[in-house]
Amino acid sequence: MAIQFWRIRDRYYRLMGNRCDDCGARNLADKDMPRTGKILTHTQLHEPLPGFESEVPLNLAVIELQNGARVLAQIVDTPQEKIETGAKARAVIRRVRVDGDSGQILYGYKFVVE
């Protein structure tokens, strides 16, 4: 049985990671991640991934957050010439997809270059 949306709504629209509180990888605690960082590397996809056909070309980057954590994320709302290694980036909430059965709009984090 799937967890109902309202039961975990506080976890949505946040950039979260885990931290091990005892270095044994068994006692993990949720940790809010910084919403800013810099681009370490990036690429542009011209062949669409399923569900992203309307977003070609698709810009993806590895972002190093201010705390050193790294995330793979889509770069949006940014001119191509501003997407470069070392550029500052900030997390934003954007639509990821629409569920075909329920019509529910699903959002998630993406990044923009500042």
C-alpha atoms as a PDB file:
ATOM      1  CA  MET A   1       0.000   0.000   0.000  1.00  0.00           C
ATOM      2  CA  ALA A   2       1.383   3.383  -0.992  1.00  0.00           C
ATOM      3  CA  ILE A   3       1.909   6.059   1.639  1.00  0.00           C
ATOM      4  CA  GLN A   4      -0.725   8.738   1.269  1.00  0.00           C
ATOM      5  CA  PHE A   5       0.578  12.129   0.108  1.00  0.00           C
ATOM      6  CA  TRP A   6      -0.741  14.016   3.137  1.00  0.00           C
ATOM      7  CA  ARG A   7       1.188  11.750   5.512  1.00  0.00           C
ATOM      8  CA  ILE A   8       4.549  12.730   4.053  1.00  0.00           C
ATOM      9  CA  ARG A   9       3.774  16.211   2.730  1.00  0.00           C
ATOM     10  CA  ASP A  10       6.426  17.832   4.947  1.00  0.00           C
ATOM     11  CA  ARG A  11       9.076  15.914   2.975  1.00  0.00           C
ATOM     12  CA  TYR A  12       8.009  17.299  -0.378  1.00  0.00           C
ATOM     13  CA  TYR A  13       9.541  20.415  -1.903  1.00  0.00           C
ATOM     14  CA  ARG A  14      12.592  20.241   0.354  1.00  0.00           C
ATOM     15  CA  LEU A  15      16.118  19.356  -0.616  1.00  0.00           C
ATOM     16  CA  MET A  16      16.981  16.685   1.951  1.00  0.00           C
ATOM     17  CA  GLY A  17      19.791  14.247   2.598  1.00  0.00           C
ATOM     18  CA  ASN A  18      20.849  11.951   5.419  1.00  0.00           C
ATOM     19  CA  ARG A  19      23.576  12.057   8.001  1.00  0.00           C
ATOM     20  CA  CYS A  20      24.779   9.096  10.017  1.00  0.00           C
ATOM     21  CA  ASP A  21      24.721  10.052  13.690  1.00  0.00           C
ATOM     22  CA  ASP A  22      27.006   7.224  14.806  1.00  0.00           C
ATOM     23  CA  CYS A  23      29.244   6.558  11.750  1.00  0.00           C
ATOM     24  CA  GLY A  24      27.865   3.048  11.485  1.00  0.00           C
ATOM     25  CA  ALA A  25      25.502   3.840   8.597  1.00  0.00           C
ATOM     26  CA  ARG A  26      22.597   2.519  10.663  1.00  0.00           C
ATOM     27  CA  ASN A  27      21.435   5.591  12.562  1.00  0.00           C
ATOM     28  CA  LEU A  28      20.513   7.963   9.741  1.00  0.00           C
ATOM     29  CA  ALA A  29      18.927  11.329  10.435  1.00  0.00           C
ATOM     30  CA  ASP A  30      17.269  13.590   7.863  1.00  0.00           C
ATOM     31  CA  LYS A  31      19.143  16.798   7.143  1.00  0.00           C
ATOM     32  CA  ASP A  32      17.998  19.796   5.140  1.00  0.00           C
ATOM     33  CA  MET A  33      20.512  20.555   2.414  1.00  0.00           C
ATOM     34  CA  PRO A  34      21.621  24.028   1.339  1.00  0.00           C
ATOM     35  CA  ARG A  35      19.761  25.349  -1.694  1.00  0.00           C
ATOM     36  CA  THR A  36      22.838  26.916  -3.294  1.00  0.00           C
ATOM     37  CA  GLY A  37      26.068  25.568  -4.721  1.00  0.00           C
ATOM     38  CA  LYS A  38      28.225  25.503  -7.830  1.00  0.00           C
ATOM     39  CA  ILE A  39      28.310  23.457 -11.016  1.00  0.00           C
ATOM     40  CA  LEU A  40      31.075  20.825 -11.014  1.00  0.00           C
ATOM     41  CA  THR A  41      30.279  19.363 -14.430  1.00  0.00           C
ATOM     42  CA  HIS A  42      27.413  19.513 -16.901  1.00  0.00           C
ATOM     43  CA  THR A  43      26.079  18.014 -20.105  1.00  0.00           C
ATOM     44  CA  GLN A  44      23.262  18.582 -22.557  1.00  0.00           C
ATOM     45  CA  LEU A  45      21.061  15.691 -23.714  1.00  0.00           C
ATOM     46  CA  HIS A  46      19.523  15.821 -27.173  1.00  0.00           C
ATOM     47  CA  GLU A  47      17.837  12.402 -27.044  1.00  0.00           C
ATOM     48  CA  PRO A  48      14.782  12.622 -24.774  1.00  0.00           C
ATOM     49  CA  LEU A  49      14.410  10.524 -21.671  1.00  0.00           C
ATOM     50  CA  PRO A  50      10.933   9.008 -21.209  1.00  0.00           C
ATOM     51  CA  GLY A  51       8.673  11.728 -19.835  1.00  0.00           C
ATOM     52  CA  PHE A  52      11.032  14.567 -20.797  1.00  0.00           C
ATOM     53  CA  GLU A  53      10.376  14.681 -24.551  1.00  0.00           C
ATOM     54  CA  SER A  54       9.175  18.296 -24.369  1.00  0.00           C
ATOM     55  CA  GLU A  55      12.342  19.455 -22.583  1.00  0.00           C
ATOM     56  CA  VAL A  56      14.958  18.639 -25.242  1.00  0.00           C
ATOM     57  CA  PRO A  57      17.668  19.808 -25.120  1.00  0.00           C
ATOM     58  CA  LEU A  58      17.882  18.788 -21.458  1.00  0.00           C
ATOM     59  CA  ASN A  59      20.643  20.372 -19.370  1.00  0.00           C
ATOM     60  CA  LEU A  60      21.940  18.240 -16.495  1.00  0.00           C
ATOM     61  CA  ALA A  61      24.644  19.136 -13.984  1.00  0.00           C
ATOM     62  CA  VAL A  62      26.382  17.794 -10.925  1.00  0.00           C
ATOM     63  CA  ILE A  63      25.969  20.526  -8.311  1.00  0.00           C
ATOM     64  CA  GLU A  64      28.207  20.722  -5.251  1.00  0.00           C
ATOM     65  CA  LEU A  65      26.088  22.225  -2.494  1.00  0.00           C
ATOM     66  CA  GLN A  66      27.572  24.624   0.060  1.00  0.00           C
ATOM     67  CA  ASN A  67      27.986  21.779   2.564  1.00  0.00           C
ATOM     68  CA  GLY A  68      29.952  19.627   0.090  1.00  0.00           C
ATOM     69  CA  ALA A  69      27.114  17.238  -0.802  1.00  0.00           C
ATOM     70  CA  ARG A  70      26.672  16.630  -4.525  1.00  0.00           C
ATOM     71  CA  VAL A  71      23.428  16.214  -6.461  1.00  0.00           C
ATOM     72  CA  LEU A  72      22.584  15.502 -10.076  1.00  0.00           C
ATOM     73  CA  ALA A  73      19.966  17.985 -11.216  1.00  0.00           C
ATOM     74  CA  GLN A  74      18.332  19.543 -14.232  1.00  0.00           C
ATOM     75  CA  ILE A  75      19.287  23.150 -15.027  1.00  0.00           C
ATOM     76  CA  VAL A  76      16.253  25.221 -16.089  1.00  0.00           C
ATOM     77  CA  ASP A  77      15.342  28.822 -16.907  1.00  0.00           C
ATOM     78  CA  THR A  78      18.975  29.635 -17.752  1.00  0.00           C
ATOM     79  CA  PRO A  79      20.525  30.745 -21.063  1.00  0.00           C
ATOM     80  CA  GLN A  80      22.893  28.061 -22.394  1.00  0.00           C
ATOM     81  CA  GLU A  81      25.916  30.393 -22.288  1.00  0.00           C
ATOM     82  CA  LYS A  82      25.546  30.807 -18.500  1.00  0.00           C
ATOM     83  CA  ILE A  83      25.730  27.055 -17.832  1.00  0.00           C
ATOM     84  CA  GLU A  84      29.412  26.497 -17.145  1.00  0.00           C
ATOM     85  CA  THR A  85      31.691  24.764 -14.668  1.00  0.00           C
ATOM     86  CA  GLY A  86      32.055  26.846 -11.507  1.00  0.00           C
ATOM     87  CA  ALA A  87      28.844  28.836 -12.050  1.00  0.00           C
ATOM     88  CA  LYS A  88      26.735  29.491  -8.944  1.00  0.00           C
ATOM     89  CA  ALA A  89      23.407  27.665  -8.929  1.00  0.00           C
ATOM     90  CA  ARG A  90      20.290  27.816  -6.771  1.00  0.00           C
ATOM     91  CA  ALA A  91      17.583  25.197  -6.217  1.00  0.00           C
ATOM     92  CA  VAL A  92      14.055  26.037  -7.354  1.00  0.00           C
ATOM     93  CA  ILE A  93      10.813  24.062  -7.304  1.00  0.00           C
ATOM     94  CA  ARG A  94       9.471  23.203 -10.754  1.00  0.00           C
ATOM     95  CA  ARG A  95       6.952  20.797 -12.227  1.00  0.00           C
ATOM     96  CA  VAL A  96       8.472  17.400 -12.948  1.00  0.00           C
ATOM     97  CA  ARG A  97       5.481  15.642 -14.497  1.00  0.00           C
ATOM     98  CA  VAL A  98       1.725  15.182 -14.439  1.00  0.00           C
ATOM     99  CA  ASP A  99       0.374  11.793 -13.414  1.00  0.00           C
ATOM    100  CA  GLY A 100      -1.773  10.535 -16.277  1.00  0.00           C
ATOM    101  CA  ASP A 101      -4.238   8.596 -14.136  1.00  0.00           C
ATOM    102  CA  SER A 102      -4.934  11.065 -11.344  1.00  0.00           C
ATOM    103  CA  GLY A 103      -3.919  14.330 -13.018  1.00  0.00           C
ATOM    104  CA  GLN A 104      -1.805  15.135  -9.958  1.00  0.00           C
ATOM    105  CA  ILE A 105       1.012  17.562 -10.755  1.00  0.00           C
ATOM    106  CA  LEU A 106       4.308  16.392  -9.265  1.00  0.00           C
ATOM    107  CA  TYR A 107       6.952  18.961  -8.388  1.00  0.00           C
ATOM    108  CA  GLY A 108      10.597  18.626  -7.468  1.00  0.00           C
ATOM    109  CA  TYR A 109      13.817  20.564  -7.242  1.00  0.00           C
ATOM    110  CA  LYS A 110      15.766  21.760 -10.255  1.00  0.00           C
ATOM    111  CA  PHE A 111      18.478  24.416 -10.412  1.00  0.00           C
ATOM    112  CA  VAL A 112      18.947  27.793 -12.062  1.00  0.00           C
ATOM    113  CA  VAL A 113      22.269  29.534 -12.637  1.00  0.00           C
ATOM    114  CA  GLU A 114      22.543  32.860 -10.822  1.00  0.00           C
END
